[in-house]
Amino acid sequence: MRQKMTAPVGGVMTDEVGAVTGDLEVWLEDKTVRTTYAGSTDTYTVTGSPLTEEASLEQVVGHLRRDPGADESGNARSVDVRDLGVQI
């Protein structure tokens, strides 16, 4: 099952291409969080995968939708799943 979401301003960080932004689809493959641009066939691994704790797709998407704010220079931070267990 896939869930649609819009990435926060800084995007969702992936291992393959860095931050992806805009309308995304997110799903779980075992404990690996995967994403793609809506309607695309290219897929990416969300940084921090595989998950070390059990999490539902709804929990993962809720975590990825949060805006982590700006860094000390005022640039938008990206979100990933490295601290997912802390946020749930």
N, C-alpha and C. Protein backbone atom coordinates (compact mmCIF):
# COMPACT_ATOMS: atom_id res chain seq x y z
N MET A 1 0.84 -1.18 0.00
CA MET A 1 0.00 0.00 0.00
C MET A 1 0.89 1.25 0.00
N ARG A 2 0.52 2.25 -0.76
CA ARG A 2 1.23 3.52 -0.83
C ARG A 2 0.34 4.62 -0.27
N GLN A 3 0.99 5.63 0.28
CA GLN A 3 0.25 6.78 0.79
C GLN A 3 0.82 8.04 0.15
N LYS A 4 -0.07 8.92 -0.29
CA LYS A 4 0.35 10.18 -0.89
C LYS A 4 0.58 11.23 0.18
N MET A 5 1.53 12.12 -0.06
CA MET A 5 1.82 13.21 0.86
C MET A 5 2.53 14.32 0.10
N THR A 6 2.53 15.50 0.68
CA THR A 6 3.33 16.61 0.16
C THR A 6 4.49 16.81 1.12
N ALA A 7 5.69 16.83 0.58
CA ALA A 7 6.89 16.99 1.40
C ALA A 7 6.91 18.37 2.06
N PRO A 8 7.51 18.47 3.24
CA PRO A 8 7.69 19.79 3.85
C PRO A 8 8.66 20.61 3.01
N VAL A 9 8.81 21.88 3.32
CA VAL A 9 9.60 22.81 2.51
C VAL A 9 11.00 22.30 2.20
N GLY A 10 11.69 21.71 3.16
CA GLY A 10 13.05 21.23 2.95
C GLY A 10 13.14 19.88 2.26
N GLY A 11 12.01 19.24 2.03
CA GLY A 11 11.97 17.97 1.33
C GLY A 11 12.19 16.78 2.23
N VAL A 12 12.12 15.61 1.61
CA VAL A 12 12.38 14.33 2.27
C VAL A 12 13.74 13.85 1.76
N MET A 13 14.68 13.60 2.68
CA MET A 13 16.03 13.21 2.29
C MET A 13 16.06 11.74 1.87
N THR A 14 16.70 11.49 0.72
CA THR A 14 16.87 10.12 0.22
C THR A 14 18.36 9.81 0.09
N ASP A 15 18.66 8.52 0.10
CA ASP A 15 20.05 8.09 -0.04
C ASP A 15 20.57 8.31 -1.46
N GLU A 16 19.70 8.20 -2.45
CA GLU A 16 20.14 8.21 -3.84
C GLU A 16 20.30 9.60 -4.44
N VAL A 17 19.37 10.52 -4.15
CA VAL A 17 19.37 11.80 -4.87
C VAL A 17 19.29 13.02 -3.96
N GLY A 18 19.40 12.82 -2.66
CA GLY A 18 19.25 13.96 -1.76
C GLY A 18 17.78 14.22 -1.49
N ALA A 19 17.44 15.47 -1.25
CA ALA A 19 16.07 15.82 -0.88
C ALA A 19 15.14 15.81 -2.09
N VAL A 20 13.96 15.20 -1.90
CA VAL A 20 12.90 15.24 -2.90
C VAL A 20 11.76 16.07 -2.33
N THR A 21 11.13 16.87 -3.17
CA THR A 21 10.11 17.80 -2.72
C THR A 21 8.83 17.62 -3.53
N GLY A 22 7.78 18.27 -3.08
CA GLY A 22 6.52 18.24 -3.82
C GLY A 22 5.65 17.07 -3.44
N ASP A 23 4.83 16.63 -4.38
CA ASP A 23 3.89 15.53 -4.15
C ASP A 23 4.61 14.20 -4.28
N LEU A 24 4.55 13.41 -3.22
CA LEU A 24 5.25 12.14 -3.16
C LEU A 24 4.30 11.00 -2.82
N GLU A 25 4.76 9.78 -3.10
CA GLU A 25 4.11 8.57 -2.61
C GLU A 25 5.12 7.88 -1.72
N VAL A 26 4.66 7.35 -0.60
CA VAL A 26 5.53 6.70 0.38
C VAL A 26 4.96 5.32 0.68
N TRP A 27 5.84 4.32 0.86
CA TRP A 27 5.43 2.99 1.24
C TRP A 27 6.55 2.29 1.99
N LEU A 28 6.21 1.17 2.61
CA LEU A 28 7.18 0.37 3.35
C LEU A 28 7.45 -0.92 2.58
N GLU A 29 8.72 -1.29 2.48
CA GLU A 29 9.14 -2.60 1.99
C GLU A 29 9.87 -3.23 3.16
N ASP A 30 9.18 -4.09 3.88
CA ASP A 30 9.65 -4.60 5.17
C ASP A 30 9.89 -3.39 6.07
N LYS A 31 11.10 -3.11 6.50
CA LYS A 31 11.37 -1.96 7.35
C LYS A 31 12.05 -0.82 6.60
N THR A 32 12.10 -0.93 5.27
CA THR A 32 12.70 0.12 4.45
C THR A 32 11.60 1.07 3.97
N VAL A 33 11.82 2.37 4.18
CA VAL A 33 10.86 3.38 3.74
C VAL A 33 11.28 3.82 2.34
N ARG A 34 10.34 3.71 1.41
CA ARG A 34 10.61 4.06 0.01
C ARG A 34 9.70 5.22 -0.39
N THR A 35 10.17 6.00 -1.38
CA THR A 35 9.37 7.12 -1.88
C THR A 35 9.59 7.29 -3.37
N THR A 36 8.67 7.99 -3.99
CA THR A 36 8.75 8.35 -5.40
C THR A 36 7.96 9.63 -5.60
N TYR A 37 8.31 10.37 -6.64
CA TYR A 37 7.45 11.50 -7.01
C TYR A 37 6.14 10.92 -7.50
N ALA A 38 5.03 11.54 -7.16
CA ALA A 38 3.72 11.06 -7.59
C ALA A 38 3.70 10.88 -9.10
N GLY A 39 3.34 9.68 -9.55
CA GLY A 39 3.25 9.38 -10.97
C GLY A 39 4.55 8.95 -11.61
N SER A 40 5.65 8.92 -10.87
CA SER A 40 6.95 8.54 -11.42
C SER A 40 7.23 7.06 -11.19
N THR A 41 8.16 6.52 -11.96
CA THR A 41 8.58 5.13 -11.75
C THR A 41 9.92 5.05 -11.01
N ASP A 42 10.62 6.16 -10.86
CA ASP A 42 11.88 6.18 -10.12
C ASP A 42 11.58 6.11 -8.63
N THR A 43 12.25 5.22 -7.91
CA THR A 43 12.01 5.07 -6.48
C THR A 43 13.30 5.32 -5.70
N TYR A 44 13.14 5.77 -4.46
CA TYR A 44 14.26 6.14 -3.62
C TYR A 44 14.07 5.60 -2.21
N THR A 45 15.20 5.37 -1.53
CA THR A 45 15.19 4.95 -0.13
C THR A 45 15.29 6.19 0.74
N VAL A 46 14.37 6.34 1.68
CA VAL A 46 14.40 7.48 2.59
C VAL A 46 15.56 7.27 3.57
N THR A 47 16.38 8.30 3.74
CA THR A 47 17.54 8.24 4.62
C THR A 47 17.11 7.83 6.03
N GLY A 48 17.85 6.90 6.60
CA GLY A 48 17.54 6.36 7.91
C GLY A 48 16.93 4.98 7.84
N SER A 49 16.59 4.53 6.65
CA SER A 49 16.08 3.17 6.47
C SER A 49 17.25 2.20 6.50
N PRO A 50 17.03 0.97 6.97
CA PRO A 50 15.76 0.42 7.45
C PRO A 50 15.45 0.90 8.87
N LEU A 51 14.16 0.90 9.17
CA LEU A 51 13.70 1.31 10.50
C LEU A 51 14.21 0.32 11.55
N THR A 52 14.56 0.83 12.70
CA THR A 52 15.01 -0.03 13.79
C THR A 52 13.86 -0.40 14.72
N GLU A 53 12.74 0.32 14.61
CA GLU A 53 11.55 0.05 15.43
C GLU A 53 10.37 -0.19 14.50
N GLU A 54 9.39 -0.92 14.98
CA GLU A 54 8.17 -1.13 14.20
C GLU A 54 7.43 0.19 14.06
N ALA A 55 6.92 0.46 12.88
CA ALA A 55 6.11 1.66 12.64
C ALA A 55 5.14 1.37 11.51
N SER A 56 3.94 1.91 11.63
CA SER A 56 2.95 1.76 10.57
C SER A 56 3.25 2.78 9.48
N LEU A 57 2.67 2.57 8.32
CA LEU A 57 2.82 3.53 7.23
C LEU A 57 2.27 4.89 7.64
N GLU A 58 1.17 4.91 8.37
CA GLU A 58 0.59 6.17 8.81
C GLU A 58 1.55 6.92 9.74
N GLN A 59 2.23 6.20 10.62
CA GLN A 59 3.21 6.83 11.51
C GLN A 59 4.39 7.40 10.72
N VAL A 60 4.86 6.64 9.74
CA VAL A 60 5.99 7.09 8.91
C VAL A 60 5.61 8.35 8.15
N VAL A 61 4.46 8.34 7.50
CA VAL A 61 4.03 9.50 6.72
C VAL A 61 3.81 10.71 7.62
N GLY A 62 3.20 10.49 8.77
CA GLY A 62 3.02 11.58 9.72
C GLY A 62 4.35 12.20 10.12
N HIS A 63 5.34 11.36 10.33
CA HIS A 63 6.69 11.83 10.68
C HIS A 63 7.30 12.62 9.52
N LEU A 64 7.16 12.11 8.30
CA LEU A 64 7.76 12.78 7.13
C LEU A 64 7.06 14.08 6.77
N ARG A 65 5.82 14.25 7.16
CA ARG A 65 5.09 15.49 6.87
C ARG A 65 5.49 16.64 7.79
N ARG A 66 6.09 16.33 8.93
CA ARG A 66 6.43 17.39 9.88
C ARG A 66 7.51 18.30 9.29
N ASP A 67 7.42 19.55 9.62
CA ASP A 67 8.41 20.53 9.16
C ASP A 67 9.46 20.68 10.25
N PRO A 68 10.71 20.25 9.99
CA PRO A 68 11.74 20.34 11.02
C PRO A 68 12.30 21.75 11.21
N GLY A 69 11.76 22.71 10.49
CA GLY A 69 12.20 24.10 10.66
C GLY A 69 13.45 24.42 9.87
N ALA A 70 14.09 25.50 10.26
CA ALA A 70 15.26 26.01 9.54
C ALA A 70 16.53 25.73 10.34
N ASP A 71 17.65 25.69 9.62
CA ASP A 71 18.94 25.55 10.30
C ASP A 71 19.41 26.93 10.77
N GLU A 72 20.59 26.99 11.34
CA GLU A 72 21.10 28.25 11.90
C GLU A 72 21.29 29.35 10.86
N SER A 73 21.36 28.97 9.58
CA SER A 73 21.49 29.97 8.51
C SER A 73 20.15 30.37 7.91
N GLY A 74 19.07 29.75 8.40
CA GLY A 74 17.74 30.08 7.90
C GLY A 74 17.28 29.21 6.74
N ASN A 75 18.09 28.21 6.36
CA ASN A 75 17.72 27.30 5.27
C ASN A 75 16.80 26.20 5.80
N ALA A 76 15.82 25.83 4.98
CA ALA A 76 14.87 24.78 5.37
C ALA A 76 15.61 23.45 5.55
N ARG A 77 15.33 22.76 6.65
CA ARG A 77 15.91 21.44 6.88
C ARG A 77 15.04 20.39 6.19
N SER A 78 15.69 19.32 5.75
CA SER A 78 14.95 18.19 5.21
C SER A 78 14.59 17.24 6.36
N VAL A 79 13.66 16.34 6.09
CA VAL A 79 13.24 15.36 7.09
C VAL A 79 13.63 13.97 6.58
N ASP A 80 13.90 13.06 7.50
CA ASP A 80 14.20 11.67 7.17
C ASP A 80 13.64 10.79 8.28
N VAL A 81 14.01 9.52 8.30
CA VAL A 81 13.46 8.63 9.33
C VAL A 81 14.51 8.19 10.36
N ARG A 82 15.65 8.87 10.41
CA ARG A 82 16.69 8.49 11.38
C ARG A 82 16.20 8.60 12.82
N ASP A 83 15.35 9.57 13.11
CA ASP A 83 14.87 9.75 14.49
C ASP A 83 13.39 9.38 14.63
N LEU A 84 12.90 8.52 13.76
CA LEU A 84 11.48 8.16 13.77
C LEU A 84 11.06 7.59 15.11
N GLY A 85 11.82 6.70 15.71
CA GLY A 85 11.45 6.09 16.98
C GLY A 85 11.31 7.10 18.10
N VAL A 86 12.07 8.19 18.01
CA VAL A 86 12.03 9.24 19.03
C VAL A 86 10.75 10.06 18.88
N GLN A 87 10.26 10.23 17.66
CA GLN A 87 9.14 11.11 17.39
C GLN A 87 7.78 10.45 17.58
N ILE A 88 7.71 9.13 17.52
CA ILE A 88 6.42 8.44 17.60
C ILE A 88 5.87 8.48 19.01
